[in-house]
Amino acid sequence: MDDKLKQIIALFGGWLSAILLFFGVVGLSFGWFNQESIDAFVVVLMASVPLGGAVYGIYKNTYQLSKKAKRQEEELKRKGLK
């Protein structure tokens, strides 16, 4: 994963932690919104980015998205390369 993307996700996690602190100061509390849930959400985001890239790659390689790709696919099949 790109370092910039990791930094953006970490920044978002820090922002959520700041919101949690703000809620604590003003006296709002939610049982589900705590530091553990924020950390878990950041982990999910970190895992979702590579998953999204892999799914996109599979989709792009499975379904031809342009006329040029369809022509290339037909040519490879005609030449017995696929």
PDB file of N, CA and C in Angstrom:
ATOM      1  N   MET A   1       0.846  -1.163   0.000  1.00  0.00           N
ATOM      2  CA  MET A   1       0.000   0.000   0.000  1.00  0.00           C
ATOM      3  C   MET A   1       0.900   1.238   0.000  1.00  0.00           C
ATOM      4  N   ASP A   2       0.453   2.239  -0.682  1.00  0.00           N
ATOM      5  CA  ASP A   2       1.187   3.495  -0.791  1.00  0.00           C
ATOM      6  C   ASP A   2       1.291   4.183   0.567  1.00  0.00           C
ATOM      7  N   ASP A   3       2.464   4.738   0.856  1.00  0.00           N
ATOM      8  CA  ASP A   3       2.677   5.421   2.143  1.00  0.00           C
ATOM      9  C   ASP A   3       1.755   6.619   2.320  1.00  0.00           C
ATOM     10  N   LYS A   4       1.482   7.332   1.235  1.00  0.00           N
ATOM     11  CA  LYS A   4       0.576   8.487   1.321  1.00  0.00           C
ATOM     12  C   LYS A   4      -0.818   8.048   1.748  1.00  0.00           C
ATOM     13  N   LEU A   5      -1.272   6.934   1.198  1.00  0.00           N
ATOM     14  CA  LEU A   5      -2.601   6.425   1.549  1.00  0.00           C
ATOM     15  C   LEU A   5      -2.645   5.996   3.012  1.00  0.00           C
ATOM     16  N   LYS A   6      -1.573   5.370   3.492  1.00  0.00           N
ATOM     17  CA  LYS A   6      -1.495   5.000   4.908  1.00  0.00           C
ATOM     18  C   LYS A   6      -1.561   6.236   5.789  1.00  0.00           C
ATOM     19  N   GLN A   7      -0.884   7.291   5.360  1.00  0.00           N
ATOM     20  CA  GLN A   7      -0.899   8.529   6.134  1.00  0.00           C
ATOM     21  C   GLN A   7      -2.290   9.150   6.176  1.00  0.00           C
ATOM     22  N   ILE A   8      -2.995   9.098   5.058  1.00  0.00           N
ATOM     23  CA  ILE A   8      -4.352   9.655   5.013  1.00  0.00           C
ATOM     24  C   ILE A   8      -5.276   8.867   5.935  1.00  0.00           C
ATOM     25  N   ILE A   9      -5.171   7.537   5.921  1.00  0.00           N
ATOM     26  CA  ILE A   9      -6.011   6.711   6.788  1.00  0.00           C
ATOM     27  C   ILE A   9      -5.671   6.967   8.252  1.00  0.00           C
ATOM     28  N   ALA A  10      -4.380   7.093   8.560  1.00  0.00           N
ATOM     29  CA  ALA A  10      -3.974   7.397   9.943  1.00  0.00           C
ATOM     30  C   ALA A  10      -4.476   8.773  10.364  1.00  0.00           C
ATOM     31  N   LEU A  11      -4.448   9.728   9.456  1.00  0.00           N
ATOM     32  CA  LEU A  11      -4.958  11.064   9.739  1.00  0.00           C
ATOM     33  C   LEU A  11      -6.456  11.012  10.037  1.00  0.00           C
ATOM     34  N   PHE A  12      -7.179  10.209   9.278  1.00  0.00           N
ATOM     35  CA  PHE A  12      -8.616  10.046   9.520  1.00  0.00           C
ATOM     36  C   PHE A  12      -8.857   9.412  10.894  1.00  0.00           C
ATOM     37  N   GLY A  13      -8.050   8.424  11.255  1.00  0.00           N
ATOM     38  CA  GLY A  13      -8.161   7.815  12.587  1.00  0.00           C
ATOM     39  C   GLY A  13      -7.877   8.822  13.691  1.00  0.00           C
ATOM     40  N   GLY A  14      -6.895   9.682  13.475  1.00  0.00           N
ATOM     41  CA  GLY A  14      -6.608  10.738  14.444  1.00  0.00           C
ATOM     42  C   GLY A  14      -7.750  11.728  14.562  1.00  0.00           C
ATOM     43  N   TRP A  15      -8.371  12.039  13.439  1.00  0.00           N
ATOM     44  CA  TRP A  15      -9.530  12.939  13.452  1.00  0.00           C
ATOM     45  C   TRP A  15     -10.680  12.319  14.245  1.00  0.00           C
ATOM     46  N   LEU A  16     -10.926  11.024  14.054  1.00  0.00           N
ATOM     47  CA  LEU A  16     -11.981  10.353  14.823  1.00  0.00           C
ATOM     48  C   LEU A  16     -11.652  10.362  16.320  1.00  0.00           C
ATOM     49  N   SER A  17     -10.378  10.194  16.663  1.00  0.00           N
ATOM     50  CA  SER A  17      -9.968  10.256  18.069  1.00  0.00           C
ATOM     51  C   SER A  17     -10.201  11.644  18.652  1.00  0.00           C
ATOM     52  N   ALA A  18      -9.956  12.677  17.843  1.00  0.00           N
ATOM     53  CA  ALA A  18     -10.215  14.043  18.302  1.00  0.00           C
ATOM     54  C   ALA A  18     -11.708  14.271  18.516  1.00  0.00           C
ATOM     55  N   ILE A  19     -12.539  13.723  17.652  1.00  0.00           N
ATOM     56  CA  ILE A  19     -13.994  13.822  17.827  1.00  0.00           C
ATOM     57  C   ILE A  19     -14.411  13.120  19.117  1.00  0.00           C
ATOM     58  N   LEU A  20     -13.816  11.947  19.381  1.00  0.00           N
ATOM     59  CA  LEU A  20     -14.110  11.219  20.614  1.00  0.00           C
ATOM     60  C   LEU A  20     -13.749  12.063  21.835  1.00  0.00           C
ATOM     61  N   LEU A  21     -12.601  12.706  21.791  1.00  0.00           N
ATOM     62  CA  LEU A  21     -12.178  13.578  22.893  1.00  0.00           C
ATOM     63  C   LEU A  21     -13.146  14.750  23.057  1.00  0.00           C
ATOM     64  N   PHE A  22     -13.550  15.352  21.950  1.00  0.00           N
ATOM     65  CA  PHE A  22     -14.500  16.462  21.998  1.00  0.00           C
ATOM     66  C   PHE A  22     -15.819  16.026  22.627  1.00  0.00           C
ATOM     67  N   PHE A  23     -16.319  14.872  22.203  1.00  0.00           N
ATOM     68  CA  PHE A  23     -17.574  14.369  22.785  1.00  0.00           C
ATOM     69  C   PHE A  23     -17.433  14.162  24.288  1.00  0.00           C
ATOM     70  N   GLY A  24     -16.267  13.661  24.723  1.00  0.00           N
ATOM     71  CA  GLY A  24     -16.033  13.476  26.151  1.00  0.00           C
ATOM     72  C   GLY A  24     -16.044  14.786  26.911  1.00  0.00           C
ATOM     73  N   VAL A  25     -15.496  15.834  26.316  1.00  0.00           N
ATOM     74  CA  VAL A  25     -15.448  17.139  26.971  1.00  0.00           C
ATOM     75  C   VAL A  25     -16.844  17.742  27.112  1.00  0.00           C
ATOM     76  N   VAL A  26     -17.671  17.575  26.090  1.00  0.00           N
ATOM     77  CA  VAL A  26     -19.016  18.164  26.147  1.00  0.00           C
ATOM     78  C   VAL A  26     -20.022  17.248  26.838  1.00  0.00           C
ATOM     79  N   GLY A  27     -19.593  16.080  27.262  1.00  0.00           N
ATOM     80  CA  GLY A  27     -20.459  15.189  28.037  1.00  0.00           C
ATOM     81  C   GLY A  27     -21.277  14.212  27.224  1.00  0.00           C
ATOM     82  N   LEU A  28     -20.970  14.049  25.939  1.00  0.00           N
ATOM     83  CA  LEU A  28     -21.660  13.054  25.117  1.00  0.00           C
ATOM     84  C   LEU A  28     -20.871  11.755  25.131  1.00  0.00           C
ATOM     85  N   SER A  29     -21.563  10.667  25.248  1.00  0.00           N
ATOM     86  CA  SER A  29     -20.872   9.383  25.164  1.00  0.00           C
ATOM     87  C   SER A  29     -21.762   8.379  24.453  1.00  0.00           C
ATOM     88  N   PHE A  30     -21.145   7.608  23.618  1.00  0.00           N
ATOM     89  CA  PHE A  30     -21.810   6.528  22.900  1.00  0.00           C
ATOM     90  C   PHE A  30     -21.048   5.255  23.237  1.00  0.00           C
ATOM     91  N   GLY A  31     -21.762   4.226  23.596  1.00  0.00           N
ATOM     92  CA  GLY A  31     -21.112   2.982  23.990  1.00  0.00           C
ATOM     93  C   GLY A  31     -20.279   2.360  22.886  1.00  0.00           C
ATOM     94  N   TRP A  32     -20.693   2.539  21.665  1.00  0.00           N
ATOM     95  CA  TRP A  32     -19.999   1.914  20.538  1.00  0.00           C
ATOM     96  C   TRP A  32     -18.858   2.768  19.998  1.00  0.00           C
ATOM     97  N   PHE A  33     -18.816   4.052  20.343  1.00  0.00           N
ATOM     98  CA  PHE A  33     -17.789   4.954  19.825  1.00  0.00           C
ATOM     99  C   PHE A  33     -16.720   5.158  20.888  1.00  0.00           C
ATOM    100  N   ASN A  34     -15.673   4.331  20.797  1.00  0.00           N
ATOM    101  CA  ASN A  34     -14.572   4.431  21.754  1.00  0.00           C
ATOM    102  C   ASN A  34     -13.255   4.221  21.000  1.00  0.00           C
ATOM    103  N   GLN A  35     -12.154   4.285  21.702  1.00  0.00           N
ATOM    104  CA  GLN A  35     -10.853   4.186  21.030  1.00  0.00           C
ATOM    105  C   GLN A  35     -10.668   2.830  20.354  1.00  0.00           C
ATOM    106  N   GLU A  36     -11.203   1.775  20.958  1.00  0.00           N
ATOM    107  CA  GLU A  36     -11.075   0.444  20.359  1.00  0.00           C
ATOM    108  C   GLU A  36     -11.826   0.359  19.036  1.00  0.00           C
ATOM    109  N   SER A  37     -13.027   0.957  18.977  1.00  0.00           N
ATOM    110  CA  SER A  37     -13.791   0.924  17.726  1.00  0.00           C
ATOM    111  C   SER A  37     -13.107   1.771  16.654  1.00  0.00           C
ATOM    112  N   ILE A  38     -12.496   2.879  17.045  1.00  0.00           N
ATOM    113  CA  ILE A  38     -11.768   3.705  16.081  1.00  0.00           C
ATOM    114  C   ILE A  38     -10.569   2.930  15.531  1.00  0.00           C
ATOM    115  N   ASP A  39      -9.816   2.278  16.411  1.00  0.00           N
ATOM    116  CA  ASP A  39      -8.660   1.484  15.965  1.00  0.00           C
ATOM    117  C   ASP A  39      -9.093   0.358  15.032  1.00  0.00           C
ATOM    118  N   ALA A  40     -10.195  -0.297  15.363  1.00  0.00           N
ATOM    119  CA  ALA A  40     -10.699  -1.380  14.512  1.00  0.00           C
ATOM    120  C   ALA A  40     -11.124  -0.848  13.149  1.00  0.00           C
ATOM    121  N   PHE A  41     -11.751   0.325  13.127  1.00  0.00           N
ATOM    122  CA  PHE A  41     -12.179   0.921  11.864  1.00  0.00           C
ATOM    123  C   PHE A  41     -10.979   1.270  10.991  1.00  0.00           C
ATOM    124  N   VAL A  42      -9.926   1.789  11.587  1.00  0.00           N
ATOM    125  CA  VAL A  42      -8.717   2.115  10.834  1.00  0.00           C
ATOM    126  C   VAL A  42      -8.104   0.839  10.243  1.00  0.00           C
ATOM    127  N   VAL A  43      -8.103  -0.246  10.996  1.00  0.00           N
ATOM    128  CA  VAL A  43      -7.587  -1.523  10.484  1.00  0.00           C
ATOM    129  C   VAL A  43      -8.423  -1.994   9.295  1.00  0.00           C
ATOM    130  N   VAL A  44      -9.737  -1.857   9.398  1.00  0.00           N
ATOM    131  CA  VAL A  44     -10.618  -2.244   8.285  1.00  0.00           C
ATOM    132  C   VAL A  44     -10.321  -1.401   7.050  1.00  0.00           C
ATOM    133  N   LEU A  45     -10.130  -0.094   7.235  1.00  0.00           N
ATOM    134  CA  LEU A  45      -9.790   0.756   6.095  1.00  0.00           C
ATOM    135  C   LEU A  45      -8.462   0.346   5.468  1.00  0.00           C
ATOM    136  N   MET A  46      -7.471   0.045   6.304  1.00  0.00           N
ATOM    137  CA  MET A  46      -6.157  -0.367   5.792  1.00  0.00           C
ATOM    138  C   MET A  46      -6.261  -1.671   4.995  1.00  0.00           C
ATOM    139  N   ALA A  47      -7.135  -2.564   5.407  1.00  0.00           N
ATOM    140  CA  ALA A  47      -7.299  -3.832   4.698  1.00  0.00           C
ATOM    141  C   ALA A  47      -8.177  -3.682   3.461  1.00  0.00           C
ATOM    142  N   SER A  48      -9.064  -2.692   3.448  1.00  0.00           N
ATOM    143  CA  SER A  48      -9.999  -2.518   2.342  1.00  0.00           C
ATOM    144  C   SER A  48      -9.335  -1.964   1.093  1.00  0.00           C
ATOM    145  N   VAL A  49      -8.315  -1.159   1.257  1.00  0.00           N
ATOM    146  CA  VAL A  49      -7.660  -0.549   0.097  1.00  0.00           C
ATOM    147  C   VAL A  49      -7.003  -1.600  -0.790  1.00  0.00           C
ATOM    148  N   PRO A  50      -6.167  -2.499  -0.263  1.00  0.00           N
ATOM    149  CA  PRO A  50      -5.600  -3.529  -1.143  1.00  0.00           C
ATOM    150  C   PRO A  50      -6.670  -4.468  -1.705  1.00  0.00           C
ATOM    151  N   LEU A  51      -7.689  -4.749  -0.911  1.00  0.00           N
ATOM    152  CA  LEU A  51      -8.780  -5.594  -1.406  1.00  0.00           C
ATOM    153  C   LEU A  51      -9.461  -4.926  -2.591  1.00  0.00           C
ATOM    154  N   GLY A  52      -9.723  -3.635  -2.485  1.00  0.00           N
ATOM    155  CA  GLY A  52     -10.340  -2.903  -3.596  1.00  0.00           C
ATOM    156  C   GLY A  52      -9.476  -2.932  -4.843  1.00  0.00           C
ATOM    157  N   GLY A  53      -8.175  -2.766  -4.664  1.00  0.00           N
ATOM    158  CA  GLY A  53      -7.271  -2.835  -5.814  1.00  0.00           C
ATOM    159  C   GLY A  53      -7.263  -4.208  -6.465  1.00  0.00           C
ATOM    160  N   ALA A  54      -7.286  -5.251  -5.655  1.00  0.00           N
ATOM    161  CA  ALA A  54      -7.302  -6.615  -6.195  1.00  0.00           C
ATOM    162  C   ALA A  54      -8.606  -6.904  -6.929  1.00  0.00           C
ATOM    163  N   VAL A  55      -9.721  -6.483  -6.342  1.00  0.00           N
ATOM    164  CA  VAL A  55     -11.028  -6.705  -6.989  1.00  0.00           C
ATOM    165  C   VAL A  55     -11.091  -5.951  -8.314  1.00  0.00           C
ATOM    166  N   TYR A  56     -10.595  -4.711  -8.337  1.00  0.00           N
ATOM    167  CA  TYR A  56     -10.583  -3.942  -9.584  1.00  0.00           C
ATOM    168  C   TYR A  56      -9.722  -4.627 -10.639  1.00  0.00           C
ATOM    169  N   GLY A  57      -8.546  -5.129 -10.247  1.00  0.00           N
ATOM    170  CA  GLY A  57      -7.681  -5.819 -11.190  1.00  0.00           C
ATOM    171  C   GLY A  57      -8.333  -7.064 -11.767  1.00  0.00           C
ATOM    172  N   ILE A  58      -8.987  -7.828 -10.914  1.00  0.00           N
ATOM    173  CA  ILE A  58      -9.692  -9.025 -11.391  1.00  0.00           C
ATOM    174  C   ILE A  58     -10.809  -8.635 -12.341  1.00  0.00           C
ATOM    175  N   TYR A  59     -11.575  -7.615 -11.970  1.00  0.00           N
ATOM    176  CA  TYR A  59     -12.675  -7.158 -12.821  1.00  0.00           C
ATOM    177  C   TYR A  59     -12.151  -6.683 -14.169  1.00  0.00           C
ATOM    178  N   LYS A  60     -11.103  -5.878 -14.134  1.00  0.00           N
ATOM    179  CA  LYS A  60     -10.568  -5.320 -15.374  1.00  0.00           C
ATOM    180  C   LYS A  60     -10.009  -6.412 -16.280  1.00  0.00           C
ATOM    181  N   ASN A  61      -9.377  -7.424 -15.692  1.00  0.00           N
ATOM    182  CA  ASN A  61      -8.803  -8.503 -16.498  1.00  0.00           C
ATOM    183  C   ASN A  61      -9.837  -9.518 -16.948  1.00  0.00           C
ATOM    184  N   THR A  62     -10.986  -9.542 -16.301  1.00  0.00           N
ATOM    185  CA  THR A  62     -12.023 -10.503 -16.667  1.00  0.00           C
ATOM    186  C   THR A  62     -12.987  -9.932 -17.694  1.00  0.00           C
ATOM    187  N   TYR A  63     -13.355  -8.685 -17.528  1.00  0.00           N
ATOM    188  CA  TYR A  63     -14.317  -8.047 -18.419  1.00  0.00           C
ATOM    189  C   TYR A  63     -13.609  -6.953 -19.206  1.00  0.00           C
ATOM    190  N   GLN A  64     -13.718  -7.033 -20.534  1.00  0.00           N
ATOM    191  CA  GLN A  64     -13.095  -6.026 -21.371  1.00  0.00           C
ATOM    192  C   GLN A  64     -13.920  -4.739 -21.262  1.00  0.00           C
ATOM    193  N   LEU A  65     -13.261  -3.657 -20.891  1.00  0.00           N
ATOM    194  CA  LEU A  65     -13.965  -2.417 -20.620  1.00  0.00           C
ATOM    195  C   LEU A  65     -14.011  -1.473 -21.816  1.00  0.00           C
ATOM    196  N   SER A  66     -13.315  -1.794 -22.890  1.00  0.00           N
ATOM    197  CA  SER A  66     -13.317  -0.911 -24.054  1.00  0.00           C
ATOM    198  C   SER A  66     -13.368  -1.742 -25.333  1.00  0.00           C
ATOM    199  N   LYS A  67     -13.666  -1.068 -26.426  1.00  0.00           N
ATOM    200  CA  LYS A  67     -13.701  -1.760 -27.722  1.00  0.00           C
ATOM    201  C   LYS A  67     -12.311  -2.271 -28.090  1.00  0.00           C
ATOM    202  N   LYS A  68     -11.290  -1.479 -27.752  1.00  0.00           N
ATOM    203  CA  LYS A  68      -9.915  -1.892 -28.047  1.00  0.00           C
ATOM    204  C   LYS A  68      -9.570  -3.180 -27.294  1.00  0.00           C
ATOM    205  N   ALA A  69      -9.963  -3.268 -26.033  1.00  0.00           N
ATOM    206  CA  ALA A  69      -9.686  -4.472 -25.243  1.00  0.00           C
ATOM    207  C   ALA A  69     -10.424  -5.673 -25.814  1.00  0.00           C
ATOM    208  N   LYS A  70     -11.645  -5.468 -26.281  1.00  0.00           N
ATOM    209  CA  LYS A  70     -12.406  -6.573 -26.888  1.00  0.00           C
ATOM    210  C   LYS A  70     -11.729  -7.047 -28.168  1.00  0.00           C
ATOM    211  N   ARG A  71     -11.232  -6.105 -28.987  1.00  0.00           N
ATOM    212  CA  ARG A  71     -10.519  -6.494 -30.215  1.00  0.00           C
ATOM    213  C   ARG A  71      -9.237  -7.253 -29.879  1.00  0.00           C
ATOM    214  N   GLN A  72      -8.507  -6.800 -28.850  1.00  0.00           N
ATOM    215  CA  GLN A  72      -7.292  -7.502 -28.445  1.00  0.00           C
ATOM    216  C   GLN A  72      -7.609  -8.918 -27.975  1.00  0.00           C
ATOM    217  N   GLU A  73      -8.695  -9.061 -27.219  1.00  0.00           N
ATOM    218  CA  GLU A  73      -9.111 -10.377 -26.727  1.00  0.00           C
ATOM    219  C   GLU A  73      -9.426 -11.307 -27.899  1.00  0.00           C
ATOM    220  N   GLU A  74     -10.159 -10.802 -28.883  1.00  0.00           N
ATOM    221  CA  GLU A  74     -10.507 -11.618 -30.057  1.00  0.00           C
ATOM    222  C   GLU A  74      -9.259 -12.011 -30.841  1.00  0.00           C
ATOM    223  N   GLU A  75      -8.316 -11.089 -30.978  1.00  0.00           N
ATOM    224  CA  GLU A  75      -7.083 -11.370 -31.702  1.00  0.00           C
ATOM    225  C   GLU A  75      -6.236 -12.416 -30.985  1.00  0.00           C
ATOM    226  N   LEU A  76      -6.148 -12.323 -29.664  1.00  0.00           N
ATOM    227  CA  LEU A  76      -5.402 -13.328 -28.898  1.00  0.00           C
ATOM    228  C   LEU A  76      -6.042 -14.702 -29.033  1.00  0.00           C
ATOM    229  N   LYS A  77      -7.353 -14.762 -28.994  1.00  0.00           N
ATOM    230  CA  LYS A  77      -8.049 -16.048 -29.159  1.00  0.00           C
ATOM    231  C   LYS A  77      -7.837 -16.596 -30.558  1.00  0.00           C
ATOM    232  N   ARG A  78      -7.882 -15.719 -31.561  1.00  0.00           N
ATOM    233  CA  ARG A  78      -7.713 -16.149 -32.948  1.00  0.00           C
ATOM    234  C   ARG A  78      -6.318 -16.727 -33.178  1.00  0.00           C
ATOM    235  N   LYS A  79      -5.316 -16.148 -32.516  1.00  0.00           N
ATOM    236  CA  LYS A  79      -3.948 -16.615 -32.662  1.00  0.00           C
ATOM    237  C   LYS A  79      -3.622 -17.787 -31.740  1.00  0.00           C
ATOM    238  N   GLY A  80      -4.579 -18.193 -30.911  1.00  0.00           N
ATOM    239  CA  GLY A  80      -4.373 -19.308 -30.000  1.00  0.00           C
ATOM    240  C   GLY A  80      -3.503 -18.958 -28.793  1.00  0.00           C
ATOM    241  N   LEU A  81      -3.411 -17.687 -28.481  1.00  0.00           N
ATOM    242  CA  LEU A  81      -2.585 -17.265 -27.350  1.00  0.00           C
ATOM    243  C   LEU A  81      -3.394 -17.146 -26.066  1.00  0.00           C
ATOM    244  N   LYS A  82      -4.658 -17.372 -26.171  1.00  0.00           N
ATOM    245  CA  LYS A  82      -5.487 -17.291 -24.974  1.00  0.00           C
ATOM    246  C   LYS A  82      -6.535 -18.366 -24.986  1.00  0.00           C
TER     247      LYS A  82
END
